[in-house]
Amino acid sequence: MSAGIAAPERSDQRAGRRDFAHLLRAEWTKFRTVRGWVIGMVAAALVIVLLGLLSASGNHASCSGPGETACPAIPVGPDGEAVADAFTFMHRPLAGDGGITVRVTSLTGIITYPPPDHDEIVPGVVPWAKAGIIIKESTRQGSAYAAVMVTGAHGVRMQHNFTQDTAGHPGGVSARSPRWLRLIRSGDTLTGYESADGTRWTEIGTAQLTGLPSTVQVGLFVTSPGDLTVKQADLGGSIEQVRFTQASAVFDHVDLRGDAPPGAWSRDVVGAGGMTDWERFHRPNGVQESGGTFTVSGSGDIAPRMDGQTIERTLTGALTGIILVIVVAVMFVTAEYRRGLIRTTLLAEPRRGRVLAAKALVIGAVTFCAALPAVVLTVMLGAPILRSNGNYILPVTPLTEARVLVGVAALLAVAAVLALALGVVFRRGVAAVVTTAAVIVVPHVLATTSVLPDSAAQWLLRLTPAAGFAIQQSVPEYAHVLGHYAPQAGYYPLAPWAGLAVLCGYTAVALGLALLRLRRADA
């Protein structure tokens, strides 16, 4: 008996799938036979490409200095990211396993010309000034490393390979409250420790540096990134300023264990740039020794580099393209209401949910298939143009680049489905187009063009469908790098997929309202 019942059920399911396939083909036929809709979708793709290339062509960068000199190469870290790798390094070679222990008794510094008056150099330590011990593959910028450090305002940390950061105990350092640091190498594993008295040690974390050579450089380091301040502009948005800083740390009880040659320490300023006025007339970056106590002064940073162009900078045309997509998607459904053809559609398929699903799938798929080649072509052609104009493009992994390309195409596709749903709800083209643009395009423009304060812009991109634009962010925000992480700088408050999920959530709600409207209202 059960087998006899199951066979008709399977037959009904297959018939239902065939009916839905026929419905999809019918909706696709409607779309491709209306020349205006096809032209509109092609125009959206062309706009993405042309505006993107135009933006890349007009974006120029150059390095200041006497004469026409090329910009220096930016170092790249072990994982392929652009990095800042500039610090004062007192070091020796270490062959095989071993480690270093040191006591830090002071961390001081200077900040040049901070606000509000910008008229003097003041004492101070920026929050991510770093002083401690490091084991590094070599003195080459971008080479692998692990370090244990005290910081200006974030306590003890263990960091490795630029992007990885592990917190130790909070608090500062002074002669009355020194910090003991230890870093041990065992093969490719480096383990960091800290202590308040040099007797009781606490492990901070470990780092696996695969492929680390037998002989590495080990020693003391100090660095101090620029002092960043963000000022609220009179007309909204913000203005950021970065000033030179220098940190100085005092080390003693330096204990190096392992196969290290005896003799004097080497002293290098890795990634050294031009000397500032402060260094010229006061203390330059370097090392001073007195009776086994070392005072190390340094500037710069060891961290991911955040200044540079991103691959999504070539996709500025997507915002205009999305407006054209919205218009086409709305017309795809409202034209049937305007001409009275929706009655014929619903007579052919009384299950209105299927009609809505078929229309949504068709417009979403058509948009995605039109947008993806446009996005890929724009990035492929736009990136070389940016480079030829002197811009540095921050490198990303192939997976991240694929997420940006596919994600932007998906962003346009979901926006098209949202517009279609609102077209069913309003049944009037102008109202649906204006509403869709108002909830997707307008919040993004307000948030990214310095019209609003940063906090308001971030909330706007959390709570509105414009959150979907987060899918195009290729370079993440790093908690251990001080930066102006604001929408106007290309940073979104939500993670890429979370932002797209917000847009999908709004679209799902709009589809629900559209289905309710279809079922309750006369066609």
Protein backbone atom coordinates (compact mmCIF):
# COMPACT_ATOMS: atom_id res chain seq x y z
CA MET A 1 0.00 0.00 0.00
CA SER A 2 2.79 2.47 0.93
CA ALA A 3 4.66 1.74 -2.31
CA GLY A 4 1.50 2.44 -4.30
CA ILE A 5 1.12 5.82 -2.59
CA ALA A 6 4.79 6.79 -2.94
CA ALA A 7 4.86 6.31 -6.72
CA PRO A 8 2.17 8.96 -7.46
CA GLU A 9 3.86 11.36 -5.02
CA ARG A 10 7.17 11.06 -6.87
CA SER A 11 5.34 11.50 -10.15
CA ASP A 12 3.68 14.68 -8.83
CA GLN A 13 7.06 16.01 -7.70
CA ARG A 14 8.60 15.42 -11.11
CA ALA A 15 5.62 17.07 -12.76
CA GLY A 16 5.96 20.03 -10.44
CA ARG A 17 9.62 20.42 -11.30
CA ARG A 18 8.80 20.26 -15.02
CA ASP A 19 6.08 22.88 -14.57
CA PHE A 20 8.47 25.20 -12.73
CA ALA A 21 11.12 24.69 -15.42
CA HIS A 22 8.54 25.68 -18.03
CA LEU A 23 7.67 28.73 -15.94
CA LEU A 24 11.34 29.73 -15.74
CA ARG A 25 11.71 29.40 -19.51
CA ALA A 26 8.60 31.51 -20.00
CA GLU A 27 9.94 34.28 -17.76
CA TRP A 28 13.33 34.14 -19.48
CA THR A 29 11.62 34.38 -22.85
CA LYS A 30 9.72 37.46 -21.67
CA PHE A 31 12.97 39.11 -20.59
CA ARG A 32 15.06 38.40 -23.67
CA THR A 33 12.32 39.41 -26.13
CA VAL A 34 11.95 42.92 -24.70
CA ARG A 35 14.75 44.87 -26.29
CA GLY A 36 14.73 47.66 -23.72
CA TRP A 37 15.35 45.31 -20.81
CA VAL A 38 18.23 43.60 -22.60
CA ILE A 39 19.76 46.94 -23.57
CA GLY A 40 19.38 48.17 -19.99
CA MET A 41 21.22 45.17 -18.58
CA VAL A 42 24.00 45.49 -21.18
CA ALA A 43 24.24 49.20 -20.37
CA ALA A 44 24.64 48.38 -16.67
CA ALA A 45 27.56 46.06 -17.48
CA LEU A 46 29.17 48.65 -19.77
CA VAL A 47 28.81 51.38 -17.16
CA ILE A 48 30.62 49.23 -14.59
CA VAL A 49 33.53 48.75 -16.99
CA LEU A 50 33.76 52.24 -18.47
CA LEU A 51 33.38 54.19 -15.23
CA GLY A 52 35.80 51.86 -13.48
CA LEU A 53 38.47 52.32 -16.14
CA LEU A 54 37.87 56.06 -16.26
CA SER A 55 38.34 56.27 -12.49
CA ALA A 56 41.55 54.21 -12.68
CA SER A 57 42.89 56.40 -15.50
CA GLY A 58 42.37 59.56 -13.46
CA ASN A 59 43.95 58.21 -10.29
CA HIS A 60 47.65 59.20 -10.16
CA ALA A 61 50.24 58.90 -7.40
CA SER A 62 53.88 59.92 -7.09
CA CYS A 63 56.67 59.96 -4.55
CA SER A 64 58.00 63.28 -3.34
CA GLY A 65 61.67 64.00 -3.59
CA PRO A 66 64.25 65.67 -5.82
CA GLY A 67 63.95 64.75 -9.47
CA GLU A 68 61.83 62.06 -11.05
CA THR A 69 62.46 59.00 -8.92
CA ALA A 70 60.48 55.80 -8.79
CA CYS A 71 58.61 54.93 -5.63
CA PRO A 72 60.45 52.35 -3.51
CA ALA A 73 59.16 48.81 -3.54
CA ILE A 74 56.79 48.00 -0.70
CA PRO A 75 57.78 44.88 1.27
CA VAL A 76 55.50 41.86 1.20
CA GLY A 77 55.03 39.56 4.18
CA PRO A 78 55.20 35.75 4.30
CA ASP A 79 51.48 35.44 3.52
CA GLY A 80 51.58 37.82 0.56
CA GLU A 81 50.20 40.93 2.23
CA ALA A 82 51.82 44.37 1.97
CA VAL A 83 53.60 45.19 5.22
CA ALA A 84 55.33 47.98 7.10
CA ASP A 85 58.63 46.64 8.42
CA ALA A 86 60.71 49.47 9.88
CA PHE A 87 62.38 49.36 13.32
CA THR A 88 65.64 49.63 15.19
CA PHE A 89 67.23 46.19 15.59
CA MET A 90 70.10 45.17 17.87
CA HIS A 91 70.81 41.58 16.88
CA ARG A 92 73.05 38.56 16.54
CA PRO A 93 72.77 35.41 14.45
CA LEU A 94 71.35 32.37 16.23
CA ALA A 95 71.96 28.91 14.78
CA GLY A 96 69.43 26.22 15.63
CA ASP A 97 67.35 26.24 18.79
CA GLY A 98 67.79 28.84 21.50
CA GLY A 99 66.20 31.96 22.87
CA ILE A 100 66.54 35.35 24.46
CA THR A 101 65.43 36.82 27.79
CA VAL A 102 65.43 40.51 28.68
CA ARG A 103 64.04 42.96 31.19
CA VAL A 104 62.37 46.18 30.02
CA THR A 105 62.43 49.02 32.56
CA SER A 106 61.25 52.00 30.54
CA LEU A 107 59.28 52.95 27.44
CA THR A 108 59.15 56.65 26.60
CA GLY A 109 58.85 58.67 23.44
CA ILE A 110 58.04 61.86 21.59
CA ILE A 111 55.21 62.97 19.31
CA THR A 112 55.89 65.74 16.82
CA TYR A 113 53.54 68.68 16.53
CA PRO A 114 50.28 67.13 17.78
CA PRO A 115 47.00 69.07 17.91
CA PRO A 116 45.59 71.41 18.93
CA ASP A 117 48.38 73.94 18.36
CA HIS A 118 50.87 71.92 16.28
CA ASP A 119 53.66 74.17 17.55
CA GLU A 120 55.90 71.90 19.61
CA ILE A 121 57.31 68.42 20.05
CA VAL A 122 55.82 66.80 23.14
CA PRO A 123 56.73 63.74 25.21
CA GLY A 124 54.42 60.79 24.71
CA VAL A 125 54.11 57.21 23.56
CA VAL A 126 51.56 56.21 20.93
CA PRO A 127 49.34 53.23 21.82
CA TRP A 128 51.06 50.80 19.45
CA ALA A 129 54.67 51.78 20.11
CA LYS A 130 56.52 48.47 20.54
CA ALA A 131 59.68 47.48 22.40
CA GLY A 132 60.87 43.95 23.05
CA ILE A 133 62.62 40.90 21.67
CA ILE A 134 62.34 39.38 18.23
CA ILE A 135 63.50 36.34 16.28
CA LYS A 136 63.47 37.16 12.58
CA GLU A 137 64.37 35.17 9.50
CA SER A 138 66.72 37.96 8.38
CA THR A 139 66.99 41.73 8.32
CA ARG A 140 65.21 41.76 4.96
CA GLN A 141 61.95 43.68 5.14
CA GLY A 142 58.95 41.38 5.03
CA SER A 143 60.80 38.30 6.30
CA ALA A 144 59.12 35.99 8.82
CA TYR A 145 59.39 36.78 12.53
CA ALA A 146 57.96 36.33 15.99
CA ALA A 147 58.24 38.96 18.72
CA VAL A 148 57.31 39.52 22.35
CA MET A 149 56.90 43.17 23.33
CA VAL A 150 55.61 45.81 25.64
CA THR A 151 53.40 48.43 23.99
CA GLY A 152 52.41 52.01 24.63
CA ALA A 153 48.84 51.27 25.74
CA HIS A 154 48.04 47.62 24.99
CA GLY A 155 50.14 45.78 27.54
CA VAL A 156 52.38 42.86 26.62
CA ARG A 157 51.78 41.23 23.24
CA MET A 158 53.16 38.42 21.14
CA GLN A 159 52.99 39.07 17.41
CA HIS A 160 54.24 37.17 14.39
CA ASN A 161 54.26 37.48 10.62
CA PHE A 162 52.66 40.94 10.76
CA THR A 163 49.00 39.88 10.95
CA GLN A 164 48.95 37.70 14.08
CA ASP A 165 48.57 39.25 17.53
CA THR A 166 48.13 37.60 20.94
CA ALA A 167 47.50 39.62 24.10
CA GLY A 168 49.45 39.11 27.31
CA HIS A 169 48.94 40.97 30.58
CA PRO A 170 47.76 44.61 30.38
CA GLY A 171 49.57 47.56 31.90
CA GLY A 172 52.61 49.68 31.23
CA VAL A 173 56.26 49.43 32.15
CA SER A 174 58.51 51.47 34.46
CA ALA A 175 61.58 51.08 36.67
CA ARG A 176 59.27 50.22 39.58
CA SER A 177 57.18 47.86 37.48
CA PRO A 178 59.49 46.28 34.89
CA ARG A 179 58.49 43.57 32.43
CA TRP A 180 60.55 40.48 31.75
CA LEU A 181 60.18 38.99 28.29
CA ARG A 182 61.36 35.67 26.88
CA LEU A 183 61.23 34.15 23.40
CA ILE A 184 62.28 30.55 22.76
CA ARG A 185 62.85 28.80 19.44
CA SER A 186 62.43 25.04 19.04
CA GLY A 187 62.53 24.15 15.36
CA ASP A 188 59.78 26.06 13.62
CA THR A 189 57.94 26.71 16.89
CA LEU A 190 58.52 29.97 18.74
CA THR A 191 57.02 30.45 22.21
CA GLY A 192 56.68 33.75 24.04
CA TYR A 193 56.65 34.26 27.80
CA GLU A 194 56.36 37.18 30.22
CA SER A 195 57.14 37.69 33.90
CA ALA A 196 56.92 40.43 36.50
CA ASP A 197 59.96 39.27 38.46
CA GLY A 198 62.03 37.07 36.15
CA THR A 199 61.18 33.99 38.21
CA ARG A 200 57.53 33.10 37.63
CA TRP A 201 56.82 32.94 33.90
CA THR A 202 53.53 32.95 32.01
CA GLU A 203 53.24 31.69 28.47
CA ILE A 204 51.67 34.22 26.08
CA GLY A 205 51.41 32.13 22.94
CA THR A 206 53.21 30.20 20.21
CA ALA A 207 53.94 30.81 16.56
CA GLN A 208 54.58 28.25 13.84
CA LEU A 209 57.00 29.74 11.30
CA THR A 210 57.19 26.99 8.70
CA GLY A 211 60.37 27.02 6.65
CA LEU A 212 62.38 29.13 9.10
CA PRO A 213 66.09 28.77 8.22
CA SER A 214 68.55 27.18 10.61
CA THR A 215 70.27 30.50 11.31
CA VAL A 216 68.08 33.45 12.21
CA GLN A 217 68.58 36.90 13.71
CA VAL A 218 67.68 37.41 17.36
CA GLY A 219 67.76 40.51 19.50
CA LEU A 220 66.09 43.68 20.76
CA PHE A 221 63.85 45.99 18.76
CA VAL A 222 61.92 49.24 19.14
CA THR A 223 59.46 50.87 16.75
CA SER A 224 56.82 53.58 16.94
CA PRO A 225 54.11 54.15 14.28
CA GLY A 226 52.80 57.57 13.36
CA ASP A 227 50.45 59.45 15.66
CA LEU A 228 47.01 59.44 14.03
CA THR A 229 44.35 62.00 14.82
CA VAL A 230 40.99 62.30 13.08
CA LYS A 231 39.30 65.71 13.04
CA GLN A 232 35.63 66.22 12.32
CA ALA A 233 35.22 68.37 9.21
CA ASP A 234 32.90 71.39 9.22
CA LEU A 235 30.64 69.92 6.54
CA GLY A 236 30.66 66.35 7.85
CA GLY A 237 33.11 63.52 7.39
CA SER A 238 36.60 63.67 8.85
CA ILE A 239 40.18 64.71 8.18
CA GLU A 240 43.05 62.48 9.29
CA GLN A 241 46.61 63.53 10.10
CA VAL A 242 49.65 61.34 10.85
CA ARG A 243 52.77 62.73 12.56
CA PHE A 244 56.24 61.30 13.16
CA THR A 245 56.86 59.68 16.54
CA GLN A 246 59.82 58.00 18.18
CA ALA A 247 59.96 55.54 21.09
CA SER A 248 62.89 54.73 23.36
CA ALA A 249 63.13 51.67 25.60
CA VAL A 250 65.66 50.68 28.24
CA PHE A 251 66.70 47.00 28.39
CA ASP A 252 68.94 45.13 30.80
CA HIS A 253 69.56 41.54 31.94
CA VAL A 254 69.95 40.52 28.31
CA ASP A 255 70.46 36.76 28.25
CA LEU A 256 71.02 35.02 24.92
CA ARG A 257 70.94 31.21 24.92
CA GLY A 258 71.97 28.96 22.06
CA ASP A 259 74.59 28.85 19.34
CA ALA A 260 75.32 32.56 18.88
CA PRO A 261 78.81 33.90 18.14
CA PRO A 262 80.40 36.02 20.88
CA GLY A 263 81.27 39.64 20.37
CA ALA A 264 79.46 42.88 19.71
CA TRP A 265 75.86 43.13 18.71
CA SER A 266 75.01 44.31 15.21
CA ARG A 267 72.91 47.44 15.10
CA ASP A 268 70.62 48.20 12.17
CA VAL A 269 67.74 50.51 11.44
CA VAL A 270 65.60 48.29 9.24
CA GLY A 271 63.64 50.21 6.62
CA ALA A 272 65.38 53.48 7.49
CA GLY A 273 64.06 56.61 5.81
CA GLY A 274 65.18 60.21 5.87
CA MET A 275 66.24 61.76 9.19
CA THR A 276 63.69 64.05 10.83
CA ASP A 277 64.48 67.35 12.54
CA TRP A 278 64.05 65.68 15.92
CA GLU A 279 66.61 63.01 15.11
CA ARG A 280 68.99 65.54 13.56
CA PHE A 281 69.15 67.71 16.67
CA HIS A 282 68.34 65.20 19.42
CA ARG A 283 68.52 61.41 19.46
CA PRO A 284 68.51 59.52 16.14
CA ASN A 285 67.11 56.02 15.91
CA GLY A 286 69.72 53.59 17.15
CA VAL A 287 71.26 51.90 20.20
CA GLN A 288 73.22 53.31 23.15
CA GLU A 289 74.97 50.97 25.60
CA SER A 290 76.18 51.63 29.13
CA GLY A 291 77.31 48.86 31.48
CA GLY A 292 75.07 46.15 30.11
CA THR A 293 72.06 48.45 29.81
CA PHE A 294 70.81 49.25 26.32
CA THR A 295 68.71 52.23 25.29
CA VAL A 296 67.11 51.53 21.93
CA SER A 297 65.25 54.24 19.98
CA GLY A 298 63.13 53.53 16.95
CA SER A 299 60.35 54.64 14.64
CA GLY A 300 58.10 52.98 12.09
CA ASP A 301 56.02 49.87 12.52
CA ILE A 302 55.99 46.10 12.12
CA ALA A 303 52.46 45.44 10.91
CA PRO A 304 50.24 45.08 7.85
CA ARG A 305 50.45 48.08 5.58
CA MET A 306 47.16 49.90 5.08
CA ASP A 307 48.08 52.77 2.74
CA GLY A 308 47.57 51.91 -0.89
CA GLN A 309 44.91 51.27 -3.47
CA THR A 310 42.62 48.24 -3.24
CA ILE A 311 41.24 46.14 -6.07
CA GLU A 312 37.71 47.34 -5.34
CA ARG A 313 38.81 50.90 -6.12
CA THR A 314 38.37 50.00 -9.80
CA LEU A 315 34.71 49.10 -9.20
CA THR A 316 33.39 52.61 -8.64
CA GLY A 317 31.07 52.12 -11.62
CA ALA A 318 29.13 49.42 -9.76
CA LEU A 319 27.13 52.09 -7.93
CA THR A 320 25.83 53.54 -11.20
CA GLY A 321 25.40 50.07 -12.64
CA ILE A 322 23.19 49.07 -9.74
CA ILE A 323 20.82 51.96 -10.50
CA LEU A 324 20.35 50.70 -14.06
CA VAL A 325 19.83 47.18 -12.76
CA ILE A 326 17.15 48.44 -10.36
CA VAL A 327 15.29 50.15 -13.22
CA VAL A 328 15.36 47.01 -15.39
CA ALA A 329 14.29 44.74 -12.53
CA VAL A 330 11.34 46.97 -11.62
CA MET A 331 10.21 47.25 -15.23
CA PHE A 332 10.43 43.46 -15.57
CA VAL A 333 7.37 43.13 -13.32
CA THR A 334 5.58 46.49 -13.41
CA ALA A 335 5.30 46.38 -17.21
CA GLU A 336 2.95 43.40 -16.80
CA TYR A 337 0.76 45.36 -14.40
CA ARG A 338 0.75 48.40 -16.66
CA ARG A 339 -0.30 46.36 -19.70
CA GLY A 340 -2.62 43.99 -17.85
CA LEU A 341 -0.53 40.96 -18.80
CA ILE A 342 -0.11 39.84 -15.19
CA ARG A 343 -3.62 38.32 -15.35
CA THR A 344 -2.54 36.06 -18.18
CA THR A 345 0.56 35.01 -16.26
CA LEU A 346 -1.44 34.13 -13.15
CA LEU A 347 -4.07 32.26 -15.15
CA ALA A 348 -1.32 30.13 -16.68
CA GLU A 349 0.19 29.48 -13.23
CA PRO A 350 -2.32 29.99 -10.38
CA ARG A 351 0.34 29.25 -7.72
CA ARG A 352 1.49 32.80 -7.28
CA GLY A 353 4.45 31.94 -5.14
CA ARG A 354 5.91 30.04 -8.08
CA VAL A 355 5.40 33.00 -10.38
CA LEU A 356 7.23 35.30 -7.98
CA ALA A 357 10.03 32.76 -7.49
CA ALA A 358 10.47 32.31 -11.25
CA LYS A 359 10.64 36.06 -11.87
CA ALA A 360 13.12 36.51 -8.99
CA LEU A 361 15.35 33.67 -10.23
CA VAL A 362 15.37 34.97 -13.78
CA ILE A 363 16.16 38.60 -12.94
CA GLY A 364 18.74 37.54 -10.34
CA ALA A 365 20.47 35.11 -12.72
CA VAL A 366 20.43 37.54 -15.65
CA THR A 367 21.91 40.30 -13.48
CA PHE A 368 24.60 38.03 -12.07
CA CYS A 369 25.58 36.73 -15.52
CA ALA A 370 25.79 40.27 -16.89
CA ALA A 371 27.63 41.75 -13.91
CA LEU A 372 30.26 39.07 -13.29
CA PRO A 373 32.10 39.43 -16.65
CA ALA A 374 31.92 43.21 -16.29
CA VAL A 375 33.39 43.12 -12.79
CA VAL A 376 36.16 40.70 -13.78
CA LEU A 377 37.06 42.72 -16.87
CA THR A 378 37.11 45.97 -14.90
CA VAL A 379 39.52 44.63 -12.29
CA MET A 380 41.72 42.92 -14.89
CA LEU A 381 42.06 46.11 -16.95
CA GLY A 382 41.81 48.66 -14.16
CA ALA A 383 44.54 47.29 -11.90
CA PRO A 384 47.32 47.65 -14.52
CA ILE A 385 46.13 51.20 -15.26
CA LEU A 386 46.37 52.10 -11.57
CA ARG A 387 49.87 50.65 -11.38
CA SER A 388 51.00 52.49 -14.51
CA ASN A 389 49.83 55.72 -12.87
CA GLY A 390 52.16 55.17 -9.93
CA ASN A 391 49.62 53.62 -7.55
CA TYR A 392 50.44 50.69 -5.32
CA ILE A 393 47.66 48.09 -5.11
CA LEU A 394 47.53 46.23 -1.83
CA PRO A 395 47.88 42.53 -2.65
CA VAL A 396 45.21 40.04 -1.61
CA THR A 397 44.93 36.28 -1.80
CA PRO A 398 43.27 34.66 -4.85
CA LEU A 399 40.40 33.55 -2.61
CA THR A 400 39.80 37.11 -1.44
CA GLU A 401 39.92 38.45 -4.98
CA ALA A 402 37.43 35.80 -6.10
CA ARG A 403 35.15 36.73 -3.20
CA VAL A 404 35.23 40.39 -4.24
CA LEU A 405 34.49 39.63 -7.90
CA VAL A 406 31.72 37.12 -7.27
CA GLY A 407 30.43 39.11 -4.31
CA VAL A 408 29.96 42.36 -6.26
CA ALA A 409 28.08 40.47 -8.99
CA ALA A 410 25.94 38.83 -6.28
CA LEU A 411 25.35 42.28 -4.73
CA LEU A 412 23.85 43.52 -7.98
CA ALA A 413 21.82 40.33 -8.40
CA VAL A 414 20.29 40.54 -4.92
CA ALA A 415 19.58 44.25 -5.42
CA ALA A 416 17.72 43.33 -8.62
CA VAL A 417 15.58 40.81 -6.74
CA LEU A 418 14.84 43.40 -4.05
CA ALA A 419 13.78 45.88 -6.74
CA LEU A 420 11.57 43.25 -8.36
CA ALA A 421 9.87 42.49 -5.03
CA LEU A 422 9.22 46.17 -4.40
CA GLY A 423 7.86 46.42 -7.92
CA VAL A 424 5.26 43.79 -7.00
CA VAL A 425 4.47 45.60 -3.75
CA PHE A 426 4.05 49.07 -5.29
CA ARG A 427 2.98 48.01 -8.81
CA ARG A 428 4.24 51.37 -10.00
CA GLY A 429 7.66 51.69 -11.59
CA VAL A 430 8.65 55.12 -10.30
CA ALA A 431 7.72 54.34 -6.69
CA ALA A 432 9.59 51.02 -6.73
CA VAL A 433 12.72 52.46 -8.39
CA VAL A 434 12.88 55.44 -6.04
CA THR A 435 12.33 53.28 -2.95
CA THR A 436 14.95 50.71 -3.92
CA ALA A 437 17.52 53.38 -4.74
CA ALA A 438 16.68 55.19 -1.49
CA VAL A 439 17.45 52.14 0.65
CA ILE A 440 20.53 50.87 -1.24
CA VAL A 441 22.25 53.65 -3.16
CA VAL A 442 21.51 56.74 -1.06
CA PRO A 443 22.80 55.33 2.28
CA HIS A 444 26.00 54.18 0.59
CA VAL A 445 26.59 57.60 -0.98
CA LEU A 446 25.92 59.40 2.31
CA ALA A 447 28.22 57.07 4.23
CA THR A 448 31.18 57.14 1.85
CA THR A 449 31.34 60.75 0.69
CA SER A 450 32.21 62.50 3.98
CA VAL A 451 28.70 63.89 4.37
CA LEU A 452 28.07 62.22 7.73
CA PRO A 453 30.18 61.76 10.85
CA ASP A 454 31.98 58.41 10.92
CA SER A 455 29.74 56.94 13.63
CA ALA A 456 26.55 57.83 11.76
CA ALA A 457 27.99 56.47 8.51
CA GLN A 458 28.87 53.18 10.17
CA TRP A 459 25.40 52.75 11.66
CA LEU A 460 23.87 53.51 8.29
CA LEU A 461 25.91 50.69 6.76
CA ARG A 462 24.90 48.32 9.53
CA LEU A 463 21.15 48.87 9.45
CA THR A 464 20.24 49.50 5.81
CA PRO A 465 20.44 47.29 2.71
CA ALA A 466 23.53 49.31 1.74
CA ALA A 467 25.38 47.02 4.17
CA GLY A 468 25.70 44.67 1.20
CA PHE A 469 28.51 46.82 -0.21
CA ALA A 470 30.74 45.35 2.50
CA ILE A 471 31.20 42.34 0.23
CA GLN A 472 33.67 44.35 -1.86
CA GLN A 473 36.10 45.16 0.99
CA SER A 474 39.32 43.28 0.26
CA VAL A 475 41.66 44.47 3.04
CA PRO A 476 40.49 43.72 6.60
CA GLU A 477 40.69 45.94 9.64
CA TYR A 478 43.46 44.90 12.04
CA ALA A 479 42.96 45.51 15.75
CA HIS A 480 46.71 45.95 16.28
CA VAL A 481 47.10 48.59 13.56
CA LEU A 482 45.96 52.12 14.30
CA GLY A 483 44.00 53.33 11.29
CA HIS A 484 41.05 55.40 10.21
CA TYR A 485 38.67 52.51 9.64
CA ALA A 486 35.76 54.50 8.26
CA PRO A 487 33.43 53.99 5.27
CA GLN A 488 34.95 56.95 3.46
CA ALA A 489 38.29 55.11 3.60
CA GLY A 490 36.76 51.90 2.24
CA TYR A 491 36.18 50.08 5.54
CA TYR A 492 32.75 48.76 6.40
CA PRO A 493 31.44 48.08 9.93
CA LEU A 494 30.28 44.55 9.04
CA ALA A 495 32.27 41.63 7.70
CA PRO A 496 31.86 41.08 3.93
CA TRP A 497 29.46 38.14 4.06
CA ALA A 498 27.60 39.60 7.06
CA GLY A 499 26.97 42.79 5.12
CA LEU A 500 25.65 40.86 2.13
CA ALA A 501 23.48 38.83 4.51
CA VAL A 502 21.82 42.07 5.70
CA LEU A 503 20.89 42.90 2.11
CA CYS A 504 19.61 39.35 1.60
CA GLY A 505 17.52 39.68 4.76
CA TYR A 506 15.83 42.82 3.48
CA THR A 507 15.27 41.12 0.14
CA ALA A 508 13.65 38.12 1.82
CA VAL A 509 11.29 40.44 3.72
CA ALA A 510 10.44 42.29 0.52
CA LEU A 511 9.72 38.99 -1.25
CA GLY A 512 7.42 38.00 1.61
CA LEU A 513 5.52 41.26 1.31
CA ALA A 514 5.34 40.81 -2.46
CA LEU A 515 3.91 37.31 -2.08
CA LEU A 516 1.35 38.58 0.40
CA ARG A 517 0.38 41.34 -2.02
CA LEU A 518 0.06 38.84 -4.88
CA ARG A 519 -2.19 36.54 -2.88
CA ARG A 520 -4.44 39.15 -1.31
CA ALA A 521 -4.84 41.77 -4.02
CA ASP A 522 -6.54 41.38 -7.36
CA ALA A 523 -4.09 41.17 -10.22
